[in-house]
């Protein structure tokens, strides 16, 4: 959120409040979690625990708008992060100057950043799942030996490890590409990482 607000030219008061933690924003994403949500559409506030507002894009003016998310959290498989609905008619929240119009290229680069961040989150999920699985099969015994000594289990763990390492590489490359490559290549890297990580994270 901070880099997007800096790009938009948010006021120093808003940025200082974010830096000190007295003001907290979350991103409003479209329901597929593939792009920042636009004003007037159904959206999902991502990681909304304790936030003051969620940020959405006004497609007419290319400005950032602060909205109030719904009160009730959505059901989610991710118990570490709160998701809340953002209705098309969500109430606007006045929390200071969020800056002027964003350049379309800046919005596309922000999209690349969003996808890279989601990919990195999925990599963390894969690593944690694999660590928990290996710990379990190392301690649980069947026929007097650890389950982890069975070749079939080892193959599953190995395949999961390969997927997690590949996802890690793609996510790192996508994050690096945001600042290092031109916009078209950065978007391609981010979309590739998100597509791969989304598919393999479920398997792992």
N, C-alpha and C. Protein backbone atom coordinates (compact mmCIF):
# COMPACT_ATOMS: atom_id res chain seq x y z
N UNK A 1 0.83 -1.20 0.00
CA UNK A 1 0.00 0.00 0.00
C UNK A 1 0.86 1.25 0.00
N UNK A 2 1.95 1.25 0.76
CA UNK A 2 2.75 2.45 0.91
C UNK A 2 3.33 2.91 -0.43
N UNK A 3 3.89 1.96 -1.21
CA UNK A 3 4.49 2.35 -2.47
C UNK A 3 3.46 2.88 -3.44
N UNK A 4 2.24 2.34 -3.41
CA UNK A 4 1.17 2.83 -4.27
C UNK A 4 0.79 4.25 -3.86
N UNK A 5 0.72 4.52 -2.57
CA UNK A 5 0.39 5.86 -2.09
C UNK A 5 1.48 6.86 -2.42
N UNK A 6 2.73 6.43 -2.34
CA UNK A 6 3.84 7.31 -2.73
C UNK A 6 3.74 7.65 -4.21
N UNK A 7 3.43 6.65 -5.04
CA UNK A 7 3.28 6.88 -6.48
C UNK A 7 2.16 7.86 -6.76
N UNK A 8 1.10 7.79 -5.96
CA UNK A 8 -0.05 8.67 -6.17
C UNK A 8 0.20 10.07 -5.63
N UNK A 9 1.24 10.25 -4.81
CA UNK A 9 1.51 11.57 -4.24
C UNK A 9 0.71 11.85 -2.99
N UNK A 10 0.49 10.83 -2.16
CA UNK A 10 -0.26 11.02 -0.92
C UNK A 10 0.44 12.04 -0.04
N UNK A 11 -0.33 12.67 0.82
CA UNK A 11 0.22 13.71 1.68
C UNK A 11 1.21 13.12 2.68
N UNK A 12 2.12 13.97 3.16
CA UNK A 12 3.11 13.52 4.14
C UNK A 12 2.44 13.07 5.43
N UNK A 13 1.30 13.68 5.77
CA UNK A 13 0.58 13.29 6.99
C UNK A 13 0.10 11.84 6.91
N UNK A 14 -0.45 11.47 5.74
CA UNK A 14 -0.93 10.10 5.56
C UNK A 14 0.23 9.12 5.60
N UNK A 15 1.32 9.45 4.92
CA UNK A 15 2.48 8.54 4.87
C UNK A 15 3.11 8.40 6.26
N UNK A 16 3.19 9.49 7.02
CA UNK A 16 3.75 9.42 8.37
C UNK A 16 2.86 8.57 9.28
N UNK A 17 1.54 8.70 9.12
CA UNK A 17 0.62 7.90 9.93
C UNK A 17 0.76 6.41 9.62
N UNK A 18 1.00 6.09 8.34
CA UNK A 18 1.26 4.70 7.97
C UNK A 18 2.56 4.20 8.58
N UNK A 19 3.58 5.05 8.53
CA UNK A 19 4.90 4.65 9.04
C UNK A 19 4.86 4.39 10.54
N UNK A 20 4.09 5.17 11.26
CA UNK A 20 4.02 5.01 12.72
C UNK A 20 3.01 3.96 13.15
N UNK A 21 2.17 3.52 12.23
CA UNK A 21 1.19 2.50 12.56
C UNK A 21 -0.12 3.04 13.09
N UNK A 22 -0.26 4.36 13.16
CA UNK A 22 -1.52 4.93 13.65
C UNK A 22 -2.63 4.85 12.61
N UNK A 23 -2.25 4.58 11.37
CA UNK A 23 -3.20 4.41 10.28
C UNK A 23 -2.85 3.14 9.53
N UNK A 24 -3.85 2.31 9.28
CA UNK A 24 -3.60 1.04 8.59
C UNK A 24 -4.56 0.88 7.43
N UNK A 25 -4.00 0.51 6.27
CA UNK A 25 -4.80 0.23 5.10
C UNK A 25 -4.63 -1.22 4.70
N UNK A 26 -5.64 -1.72 3.99
CA UNK A 26 -5.52 -3.00 3.29
C UNK A 26 -5.89 -2.73 1.83
N UNK A 27 -5.53 -3.65 0.98
CA UNK A 27 -5.89 -3.53 -0.43
C UNK A 27 -7.23 -4.19 -0.70
N UNK A 28 -8.04 -3.53 -1.53
CA UNK A 28 -9.24 -4.16 -2.05
C UNK A 28 -8.86 -4.83 -3.36
N UNK A 29 -9.01 -6.14 -3.40
CA UNK A 29 -8.69 -6.91 -4.61
C UNK A 29 -9.98 -7.45 -5.22
N UNK A 30 -9.93 -7.72 -6.52
CA UNK A 30 -11.10 -8.35 -7.13
C UNK A 30 -11.22 -9.76 -6.55
N UNK A 31 -12.42 -10.39 -6.64
CA UNK A 31 -12.62 -11.68 -5.95
C UNK A 31 -11.66 -12.78 -6.35
N UNK A 32 -11.02 -12.68 -7.51
CA UNK A 32 -10.04 -13.70 -7.90
C UNK A 32 -8.68 -13.43 -7.27
N UNK A 33 -8.52 -12.30 -6.60
CA UNK A 33 -7.25 -11.86 -6.01
C UNK A 33 -6.18 -11.64 -7.08
N UNK A 34 -6.59 -11.33 -8.29
CA UNK A 34 -5.64 -11.17 -9.40
C UNK A 34 -5.27 -9.72 -9.68
N UNK A 35 -6.06 -8.76 -9.21
CA UNK A 35 -5.76 -7.36 -9.51
C UNK A 35 -6.41 -6.48 -8.46
N UNK A 36 -5.94 -5.23 -8.32
CA UNK A 36 -6.60 -4.29 -7.41
C UNK A 36 -8.04 -4.03 -7.85
N UNK A 37 -8.93 -3.95 -6.90
CA UNK A 37 -10.34 -3.74 -7.22
C UNK A 37 -10.60 -2.31 -7.66
N UNK A 38 -11.65 -2.14 -8.43
CA UNK A 38 -12.06 -0.83 -8.88
C UNK A 38 -13.33 -0.41 -8.15
N UNK A 39 -13.47 0.87 -7.96
CA UNK A 39 -14.64 1.42 -7.29
C UNK A 39 -15.92 0.97 -8.00
N UNK A 40 -16.92 0.54 -7.22
CA UNK A 40 -18.21 0.16 -7.79
C UNK A 40 -18.35 -1.31 -8.13
N UNK A 41 -17.33 -2.13 -7.83
CA UNK A 41 -17.44 -3.56 -8.08
C UNK A 41 -17.27 -4.34 -6.78
N UNK A 42 -17.82 -5.53 -6.75
CA UNK A 42 -17.64 -6.39 -5.59
C UNK A 42 -16.17 -6.70 -5.42
N UNK A 43 -15.68 -6.62 -4.19
CA UNK A 43 -14.25 -6.81 -3.96
C UNK A 43 -14.03 -7.52 -2.64
N UNK A 44 -12.77 -7.85 -2.41
CA UNK A 44 -12.36 -8.51 -1.17
C UNK A 44 -11.24 -7.70 -0.55
N UNK A 45 -11.42 -7.32 0.70
CA UNK A 45 -10.34 -6.66 1.45
C UNK A 45 -9.39 -7.74 1.94
N UNK A 46 -8.12 -7.63 1.57
CA UNK A 46 -7.13 -8.67 1.86
C UNK A 46 -6.30 -8.27 3.06
N UNK A 47 -6.26 -9.13 4.07
CA UNK A 47 -5.49 -8.89 5.30
C UNK A 47 -6.01 -7.66 6.01
N UNK A 48 -7.26 -7.73 6.45
CA UNK A 48 -7.97 -6.55 6.95
C UNK A 48 -8.02 -6.44 8.47
N UNK A 49 -7.38 -7.33 9.19
CA UNK A 49 -7.48 -7.28 10.64
C UNK A 49 -6.88 -5.97 11.17
N UNK A 50 -7.71 -5.18 11.85
CA UNK A 50 -7.24 -3.94 12.46
C UNK A 50 -7.06 -2.76 11.53
N UNK A 51 -7.58 -2.83 10.31
CA UNK A 51 -7.37 -1.74 9.36
C UNK A 51 -8.42 -0.64 9.55
N UNK A 52 -8.06 0.56 9.11
CA UNK A 52 -8.99 1.69 9.14
C UNK A 52 -9.81 1.77 7.86
N UNK A 53 -9.27 1.30 6.76
CA UNK A 53 -9.96 1.35 5.48
C UNK A 53 -9.24 0.44 4.49
N UNK A 54 -9.91 0.16 3.38
CA UNK A 54 -9.28 -0.57 2.28
C UNK A 54 -9.19 0.38 1.09
N UNK A 55 -8.15 0.20 0.27
CA UNK A 55 -7.92 1.07 -0.88
C UNK A 55 -8.40 0.41 -2.16
N UNK A 56 -9.17 1.16 -2.94
CA UNK A 56 -9.61 0.73 -4.26
C UNK A 56 -9.29 1.82 -5.26
N UNK A 57 -9.33 1.47 -6.54
CA UNK A 57 -9.04 2.42 -7.61
C UNK A 57 -10.34 2.98 -8.18
N UNK A 58 -10.37 4.28 -8.39
CA UNK A 58 -11.48 4.91 -9.08
C UNK A 58 -11.12 4.93 -10.56
N UNK A 59 -11.77 4.10 -11.40
CA UNK A 59 -11.37 4.02 -12.81
C UNK A 59 -11.61 5.30 -13.59
N UNK A 60 -12.52 6.14 -13.12
CA UNK A 60 -12.82 7.38 -13.84
C UNK A 60 -11.71 8.41 -13.68
N UNK A 61 -11.19 8.51 -12.46
CA UNK A 61 -10.18 9.54 -12.18
C UNK A 61 -8.78 8.98 -11.97
N UNK A 62 -8.64 7.64 -11.96
CA UNK A 62 -7.35 6.98 -11.69
C UNK A 62 -6.77 7.43 -10.34
N UNK A 63 -7.65 7.62 -9.38
CA UNK A 63 -7.20 7.99 -8.03
C UNK A 63 -7.52 6.85 -7.07
N UNK A 64 -6.89 6.90 -5.90
CA UNK A 64 -7.14 5.92 -4.86
C UNK A 64 -8.28 6.41 -3.96
N UNK A 65 -9.16 5.48 -3.61
CA UNK A 65 -10.30 5.79 -2.76
C UNK A 65 -10.26 4.87 -1.55
N UNK A 66 -10.45 5.43 -0.37
CA UNK A 66 -10.51 4.64 0.86
C UNK A 66 -11.96 4.25 1.13
N UNK A 67 -12.20 2.96 1.34
CA UNK A 67 -13.54 2.43 1.56
C UNK A 67 -13.61 1.67 2.87
N UNK A 68 -14.83 1.61 3.41
CA UNK A 68 -15.03 0.84 4.63
C UNK A 68 -15.46 -0.58 4.27
N UNK A 69 -14.69 -1.60 4.69
CA UNK A 69 -15.08 -2.98 4.38
C UNK A 69 -16.24 -3.44 5.24
N UNK A 70 -16.84 -4.56 4.86
CA UNK A 70 -17.92 -5.13 5.64
C UNK A 70 -17.44 -5.56 7.02
N UNK A 71 -18.37 -5.66 7.95
CA UNK A 71 -18.02 -5.98 9.33
C UNK A 71 -17.64 -7.45 9.51
N UNK A 72 -18.35 -8.34 8.83
CA UNK A 72 -18.14 -9.78 9.04
C UNK A 72 -17.03 -10.29 8.14
N UNK A 73 -16.13 -11.08 8.73
CA UNK A 73 -15.04 -11.68 7.95
C UNK A 73 -15.59 -12.80 7.07
N UNK A 74 -14.96 -12.98 5.92
CA UNK A 74 -15.34 -14.05 5.01
C UNK A 74 -14.72 -15.37 5.47
N UNK A 75 -15.39 -16.47 5.15
CA UNK A 75 -14.80 -17.78 5.39
C UNK A 75 -13.62 -17.95 4.44
N UNK A 76 -12.52 -18.45 4.95
CA UNK A 76 -11.32 -18.61 4.13
C UNK A 76 -10.52 -19.80 4.62
N UNK A 77 -9.80 -20.44 3.70
CA UNK A 77 -8.93 -21.54 4.11
C UNK A 77 -7.69 -21.01 4.82
N UNK A 78 -7.40 -19.72 4.65
CA UNK A 78 -6.23 -19.12 5.30
C UNK A 78 -6.65 -18.55 6.64
N UNK A 79 -6.31 -19.26 7.72
CA UNK A 79 -6.72 -18.84 9.06
C UNK A 79 -5.80 -17.78 9.65
N UNK A 80 -4.73 -17.44 8.94
CA UNK A 80 -3.78 -16.46 9.46
C UNK A 80 -4.10 -15.05 8.98
N UNK A 81 -5.04 -14.91 8.08
CA UNK A 81 -5.29 -13.61 7.46
C UNK A 81 -6.79 -13.38 7.34
N UNK A 82 -7.24 -12.20 7.70
CA UNK A 82 -8.66 -11.90 7.65
C UNK A 82 -9.04 -11.29 6.30
N UNK A 83 -10.06 -11.85 5.68
CA UNK A 83 -10.61 -11.32 4.45
C UNK A 83 -12.01 -10.77 4.74
N UNK A 84 -12.29 -9.57 4.24
CA UNK A 84 -13.61 -8.99 4.46
C UNK A 84 -14.18 -8.49 3.14
N UNK A 85 -15.51 -8.60 2.98
CA UNK A 85 -16.12 -8.18 1.71
C UNK A 85 -16.12 -6.65 1.59
N UNK A 86 -16.01 -6.18 0.37
CA UNK A 86 -16.13 -4.76 0.07
C UNK A 86 -17.24 -4.63 -0.97
N UNK A 87 -18.39 -4.09 -0.56
CA UNK A 87 -19.55 -4.01 -1.44
C UNK A 87 -19.37 -2.93 -2.50
N UNK A 88 -20.05 -3.06 -3.64
CA UNK A 88 -19.97 -2.02 -4.67
C UNK A 88 -20.40 -0.65 -4.15
N UNK A 89 -21.29 -0.63 -3.16
CA UNK A 89 -21.76 0.64 -2.60
C UNK A 89 -21.07 0.94 -1.26
N UNK A 90 -19.87 0.44 -1.07
CA UNK A 90 -19.17 0.65 0.20
C UNK A 90 -19.00 2.13 0.51
N UNK A 91 -19.08 2.46 1.79
CA UNK A 91 -18.98 3.85 2.23
C UNK A 91 -17.54 4.33 2.12
N UNK A 92 -17.36 5.54 1.60
CA UNK A 92 -16.02 6.12 1.52
C UNK A 92 -15.59 6.62 2.89
N UNK A 93 -14.30 6.53 3.15
CA UNK A 93 -13.74 6.97 4.43
C UNK A 93 -12.78 8.12 4.16
N UNK A 94 -12.98 9.23 4.85
CA UNK A 94 -12.10 10.39 4.67
C UNK A 94 -10.95 10.27 5.67
N UNK A 95 -9.79 9.91 5.18
CA UNK A 95 -8.64 9.73 6.07
C UNK A 95 -7.44 10.53 5.60
N UNK A 96 -7.70 11.59 4.86
CA UNK A 96 -6.60 12.44 4.41
C UNK A 96 -6.39 12.36 2.91
N UNK A 97 -5.42 13.11 2.46
CA UNK A 97 -5.14 13.22 1.04
C UNK A 97 -4.36 12.00 0.55
N UNK A 98 -5.00 11.20 -0.31
CA UNK A 98 -4.36 9.99 -0.85
C UNK A 98 -3.65 10.25 -2.16
N UNK A 99 -3.60 11.48 -2.59
CA UNK A 99 -2.84 11.82 -3.80
C UNK A 99 -3.71 12.00 -5.02
N UNK A 100 -3.07 12.34 -6.12
CA UNK A 100 -3.76 12.63 -7.36
C UNK A 100 -3.83 11.45 -8.29
N UNK A 101 -4.14 11.69 -9.56
CA UNK A 101 -4.28 10.60 -10.54
C UNK A 101 -2.98 9.80 -10.68
N UNK A 102 -3.15 8.51 -10.81
CA UNK A 102 -2.02 7.61 -11.04
C UNK A 102 -1.83 7.42 -12.54
N UNK A 103 -0.59 7.44 -12.97
CA UNK A 103 -0.28 7.17 -14.36
C UNK A 103 -0.65 5.71 -14.67
N UNK A 104 -1.27 5.44 -15.84
CA UNK A 104 -1.63 4.05 -16.18
C UNK A 104 -0.45 3.09 -16.08
N UNK A 105 0.75 3.55 -16.44
CA UNK A 105 1.92 2.68 -16.33
C UNK A 105 2.21 2.34 -14.88
N UNK A 106 1.99 3.32 -13.99
CA UNK A 106 2.20 3.07 -12.56
C UNK A 106 1.20 2.05 -12.04
N UNK A 107 -0.03 2.11 -12.57
CA UNK A 107 -1.05 1.14 -12.16
C UNK A 107 -0.67 -0.27 -12.61
N UNK A 108 -0.15 -0.39 -13.83
CA UNK A 108 0.27 -1.70 -14.31
C UNK A 108 1.46 -2.23 -13.51
N UNK A 109 2.36 -1.34 -13.14
CA UNK A 109 3.49 -1.80 -12.33
C UNK A 109 3.01 -2.19 -10.94
N UNK A 110 2.00 -1.47 -10.44
CA UNK A 110 1.41 -1.86 -9.15
C UNK A 110 0.73 -3.22 -9.26
N UNK A 111 0.09 -3.50 -10.40
CA UNK A 111 -0.50 -4.82 -10.62
C UNK A 111 0.58 -5.89 -10.55
N UNK A 112 1.72 -5.62 -11.17
CA UNK A 112 2.84 -6.57 -11.10
C UNK A 112 3.28 -6.78 -9.66
N UNK A 113 3.33 -5.70 -8.89
CA UNK A 113 3.73 -5.81 -7.47
C UNK A 113 2.71 -6.62 -6.68
N UNK A 114 1.42 -6.40 -6.96
CA UNK A 114 0.37 -7.14 -6.27
C UNK A 114 0.49 -8.64 -6.54
N UNK A 115 0.67 -9.01 -7.81
CA UNK A 115 0.79 -10.41 -8.17
C UNK A 115 2.06 -11.04 -7.58
N UNK A 116 3.15 -10.26 -7.57
CA UNK A 116 4.39 -10.78 -6.99
C UNK A 116 4.24 -11.01 -5.48
N UNK A 117 3.54 -10.09 -4.81
CA UNK A 117 3.32 -10.23 -3.37
C UNK A 117 2.45 -11.44 -3.06
N UNK A 118 1.40 -11.64 -3.85
CA UNK A 118 0.56 -12.82 -3.65
C UNK A 118 1.34 -14.10 -3.91
N UNK A 119 2.22 -14.07 -4.90
CA UNK A 119 3.05 -15.25 -5.19
C UNK A 119 3.97 -15.56 -4.02
N UNK A 120 4.59 -14.51 -3.46
CA UNK A 120 5.48 -14.70 -2.32
C UNK A 120 4.72 -15.28 -1.13
N UNK A 121 3.48 -14.84 -0.94
CA UNK A 121 2.66 -15.36 0.15
C UNK A 121 2.39 -16.84 -0.06
N UNK A 122 2.13 -17.24 -1.29
CA UNK A 122 1.88 -18.64 -1.60
C UNK A 122 3.14 -19.49 -1.40
N UNK A 123 4.31 -18.91 -1.70
CA UNK A 123 5.56 -19.63 -1.46
C UNK A 123 5.73 -19.90 0.04
N UNK A 124 5.42 -18.92 0.86
CA UNK A 124 5.48 -19.13 2.31
C UNK A 124 4.53 -20.22 2.77
N UNK A 125 3.36 -20.26 2.17
CA UNK A 125 2.38 -21.30 2.48
C UNK A 125 2.94 -22.69 2.13
N UNK A 126 3.55 -22.80 0.95
CA UNK A 126 4.11 -24.08 0.52
C UNK A 126 5.23 -24.54 1.45
N UNK A 127 6.13 -23.61 1.80
CA UNK A 127 7.24 -23.95 2.68
C UNK A 127 6.74 -24.46 4.04
N UNK A 128 5.74 -23.76 4.59
CA UNK A 128 5.21 -24.15 5.90
C UNK A 128 4.50 -25.50 5.82
N UNK A 129 3.75 -25.72 4.75
CA UNK A 129 3.05 -27.00 4.59
C UNK A 129 4.03 -28.16 4.45
N UNK A 130 5.08 -27.94 3.67
CA UNK A 130 6.07 -28.99 3.47
C UNK A 130 6.82 -29.29 4.77
N UNK A 131 7.17 -28.24 5.50
CA UNK A 131 7.86 -28.43 6.78
C UNK A 131 7.00 -29.23 7.76
N UNK A 132 5.70 -28.90 7.81
CA UNK A 132 4.80 -29.62 8.71
C UNK A 132 4.64 -31.08 8.28
N UNK A 133 4.57 -31.32 6.96
CA UNK A 133 4.40 -32.69 6.47
C UNK A 133 5.64 -33.53 6.77
N UNK A 134 6.82 -32.98 6.53
CA UNK A 134 8.06 -33.73 6.79
C UNK A 134 8.20 -34.02 8.28
N UNK A 135 7.85 -33.05 9.11
CA UNK A 135 7.92 -33.27 10.56
C UNK A 135 6.98 -34.40 10.97
N UNK A 136 5.79 -34.44 10.36
CA UNK A 136 4.81 -35.46 10.71
C UNK A 136 5.28 -36.86 10.30
N UNK A 137 5.75 -37.01 9.06
CA UNK A 137 6.15 -38.34 8.60
C UNK A 137 7.47 -38.79 9.21
N UNK A 138 8.21 -37.86 9.80
CA UNK A 138 9.46 -38.24 10.47
C UNK A 138 9.20 -38.81 11.86
N UNK A 139 8.07 -38.43 12.45
CA UNK A 139 7.79 -38.87 13.82
C UNK A 139 6.74 -39.97 13.90
N UNK A 140 5.86 -40.04 12.93
CA UNK A 140 4.81 -41.06 12.96
C UNK A 140 5.37 -42.40 12.45
N UNK A 141 5.03 -43.47 13.17
CA UNK A 141 5.55 -44.79 12.78
C UNK A 141 4.44 -45.70 12.26
N UNK A 142 4.81 -46.52 11.32
CA UNK A 142 3.92 -47.56 10.78
C UNK A 142 4.77 -48.82 10.62
N UNK A 143 4.27 -49.94 11.10
CA UNK A 143 5.02 -51.20 11.06
C UNK A 143 6.38 -51.06 11.76
N UNK A 144 6.42 -50.20 12.78
CA UNK A 144 7.62 -50.07 13.59
C UNK A 144 8.70 -49.17 13.02
N UNK A 145 8.43 -48.51 11.89
CA UNK A 145 9.42 -47.60 11.29
C UNK A 145 8.74 -46.27 10.96
N UNK A 146 9.52 -45.18 10.90
CA UNK A 146 8.91 -43.89 10.54
C UNK A 146 8.28 -43.93 9.15
N UNK A 147 7.12 -43.30 9.01
CA UNK A 147 6.44 -43.27 7.71
C UNK A 147 7.32 -42.62 6.65
N UNK A 148 8.18 -41.72 7.07
CA UNK A 148 9.04 -41.01 6.14
C UNK A 148 10.09 -41.89 5.47
N UNK A 149 10.25 -43.11 5.94
CA UNK A 149 11.21 -44.02 5.30
C UNK A 149 10.60 -44.74 4.10
N UNK A 150 9.27 -44.63 3.93
CA UNK A 150 8.62 -45.30 2.80
C UNK A 150 8.90 -44.51 1.53
N UNK A 151 9.26 -45.24 0.49
CA UNK A 151 9.66 -44.59 -0.76
C UNK A 151 8.53 -43.75 -1.36
N UNK A 152 7.30 -44.23 -1.28
CA UNK A 152 6.17 -43.49 -1.86
C UNK A 152 6.01 -42.12 -1.17
N UNK A 153 6.20 -42.11 0.15
CA UNK A 153 6.09 -40.85 0.89
C UNK A 153 7.25 -39.93 0.53
N UNK A 154 8.43 -40.51 0.39
CA UNK A 154 9.60 -39.70 0.02
C UNK A 154 9.41 -39.07 -1.35
N UNK A 155 8.81 -39.82 -2.29
CA UNK A 155 8.58 -39.27 -3.62
C UNK A 155 7.62 -38.08 -3.55
N UNK A 156 6.57 -38.21 -2.76
CA UNK A 156 5.61 -37.11 -2.62
C UNK A 156 6.30 -35.87 -2.04
N UNK A 157 7.11 -36.07 -1.01
CA UNK A 157 7.80 -34.95 -0.38
C UNK A 157 8.80 -34.31 -1.35
N UNK A 158 9.48 -35.15 -2.12
CA UNK A 158 10.46 -34.64 -3.09
C UNK A 158 9.78 -33.80 -4.16
N UNK A 159 8.66 -34.29 -4.66
CA UNK A 159 7.93 -33.54 -5.69
C UNK A 159 7.42 -32.21 -5.13
N UNK A 160 6.96 -32.23 -3.88
CA UNK A 160 6.50 -31.00 -3.26
C UNK A 160 7.65 -30.01 -3.08
N UNK A 161 8.83 -30.54 -2.72
CA UNK A 161 10.01 -29.69 -2.55
C UNK A 161 10.41 -29.04 -3.86
N UNK A 162 10.38 -29.81 -4.94
CA UNK A 162 10.72 -29.27 -6.26
C UNK A 162 9.74 -28.16 -6.64
N UNK A 163 8.45 -28.39 -6.41
CA UNK A 163 7.45 -27.37 -6.71
C UNK A 163 7.67 -26.11 -5.90
N UNK A 164 7.97 -26.28 -4.60
CA UNK A 164 8.18 -25.12 -3.73
C UNK A 164 9.41 -24.33 -4.14
N UNK A 165 10.48 -25.03 -4.52
CA UNK A 165 11.70 -24.34 -4.94
C UNK A 165 11.49 -23.59 -6.26
N UNK A 166 10.77 -24.21 -7.18
CA UNK A 166 10.48 -23.55 -8.45
C UNK A 166 9.61 -22.31 -8.22
N UNK A 167 8.63 -22.44 -7.34
CA UNK A 167 7.77 -21.30 -7.02
C UNK A 167 8.57 -20.17 -6.37
N UNK A 168 9.50 -20.55 -5.50
CA UNK A 168 10.35 -19.55 -4.84
C UNK A 168 11.16 -18.77 -5.87
N UNK A 169 11.73 -19.48 -6.84
CA UNK A 169 12.51 -18.81 -7.88
C UNK A 169 11.67 -17.87 -8.72
N UNK A 170 10.47 -18.31 -9.11
CA UNK A 170 9.59 -17.47 -9.91
C UNK A 170 9.13 -16.23 -9.14
N UNK A 171 8.82 -16.40 -7.85
CA UNK A 171 8.37 -15.27 -7.05
C UNK A 171 9.49 -14.25 -6.85
N UNK A 172 10.70 -14.74 -6.61
CA UNK A 172 11.84 -13.83 -6.46
C UNK A 172 12.11 -13.07 -7.76
N UNK A 173 12.04 -13.78 -8.86
CA UNK A 173 12.26 -13.13 -10.15
C UNK A 173 11.19 -12.07 -10.42
N UNK A 174 9.94 -12.39 -10.08
CA UNK A 174 8.85 -11.43 -10.29
C UNK A 174 9.06 -10.18 -9.44
N UNK A 175 9.50 -10.36 -8.20
CA UNK A 175 9.77 -9.20 -7.35
C UNK A 175 10.91 -8.36 -7.88
N UNK A 176 11.96 -9.02 -8.36
CA UNK A 176 13.11 -8.30 -8.91
C UNK A 176 12.73 -7.56 -10.18
N UNK A 177 11.86 -8.17 -11.00
CA UNK A 177 11.51 -7.60 -12.31
C UNK A 177 10.73 -6.29 -12.19
N UNK A 178 10.04 -6.09 -11.08
CA UNK A 178 9.21 -4.89 -10.93
C UNK A 178 10.02 -3.61 -11.15
N UNK A 179 11.21 -3.57 -10.58
CA UNK A 179 12.06 -2.38 -10.71
C UNK A 179 13.13 -2.53 -11.78
N UNK A 180 13.49 -3.77 -12.12
CA UNK A 180 14.66 -3.98 -12.99
C UNK A 180 14.32 -4.10 -14.47
N UNK A 181 13.10 -4.52 -14.81
CA UNK A 181 12.75 -4.76 -16.21
C UNK A 181 11.68 -3.78 -16.68
N UNK A 182 11.47 -3.76 -18.00
CA UNK A 182 10.42 -2.88 -18.51
C UNK A 182 9.06 -3.45 -18.11
N UNK A 183 8.03 -2.64 -18.26
CA UNK A 183 6.71 -2.97 -17.72
C UNK A 183 6.15 -4.27 -18.30
N UNK A 184 6.26 -4.47 -19.59
CA UNK A 184 5.71 -5.67 -20.22
C UNK A 184 6.36 -6.93 -19.66
N UNK A 185 7.69 -6.90 -19.50
CA UNK A 185 8.40 -8.06 -18.96
C UNK A 185 8.07 -8.27 -17.49
N UNK A 186 7.93 -7.16 -16.74
CA UNK A 186 7.59 -7.27 -15.32
C UNK A 186 6.22 -7.90 -15.13
N UNK A 187 5.25 -7.49 -15.96
CA UNK A 187 3.91 -8.07 -15.87
C UNK A 187 3.92 -9.55 -16.24
N UNK A 188 4.70 -9.90 -17.27
CA UNK A 188 4.80 -11.30 -17.67
C UNK A 188 5.39 -12.15 -16.54
N UNK A 189 6.44 -11.64 -15.91
CA UNK A 189 7.06 -12.37 -14.80
C UNK A 189 6.09 -12.54 -13.64
N UNK A 190 5.35 -11.48 -13.33
CA UNK A 190 4.42 -11.54 -12.20
C UNK A 190 3.26 -12.48 -12.48
N UNK A 191 2.73 -12.43 -13.69
CA UNK A 191 1.62 -13.31 -14.05
C UNK A 191 2.06 -14.77 -14.10
N UNK A 192 3.27 -15.00 -14.59
CA UNK A 192 3.80 -16.37 -14.62
C UNK A 192 3.95 -16.92 -13.20
N UNK A 193 4.52 -16.10 -12.32
CA UNK A 193 4.70 -16.53 -10.92
C UNK A 193 3.36 -16.81 -10.26
N UNK A 194 2.39 -15.92 -10.44
CA UNK A 194 1.09 -16.10 -9.80
C UNK A 194 0.39 -17.35 -10.32
N UNK A 195 0.44 -17.58 -11.64
CA UNK A 195 -0.21 -18.76 -12.20
C UNK A 195 0.42 -20.05 -11.67
N UNK A 196 1.73 -20.10 -11.64
CA UNK A 196 2.42 -21.31 -11.18
C UNK A 196 2.19 -21.52 -9.68
N UNK A 197 2.39 -20.47 -8.90
CA UNK A 197 2.25 -20.60 -7.45
C UNK A 197 0.84 -20.97 -7.04
N UNK A 198 -0.18 -20.41 -7.71
CA UNK A 198 -1.56 -20.72 -7.37
C UNK A 198 -1.87 -22.19 -7.62
N UNK A 199 -1.36 -22.72 -8.72
CA UNK A 199 -1.62 -24.12 -9.05
C UNK A 199 -0.86 -25.07 -8.12
N UNK A 200 0.44 -24.82 -7.93
CA UNK A 200 1.24 -25.75 -7.16
C UNK A 200 1.02 -25.65 -5.66
N UNK A 201 0.63 -24.47 -5.17
CA UNK A 201 0.41 -24.34 -3.72
C UNK A 201 -0.72 -25.27 -3.28
N UNK A 202 -1.75 -25.42 -4.09
CA UNK A 202 -2.85 -26.32 -3.72
C UNK A 202 -2.35 -27.76 -3.65
N UNK A 203 -1.52 -28.15 -4.62
CA UNK A 203 -0.99 -29.51 -4.62
C UNK A 203 -0.08 -29.77 -3.43
N UNK A 204 0.82 -28.82 -3.14
CA UNK A 204 1.76 -29.00 -2.04
C UNK A 204 1.01 -29.06 -0.71
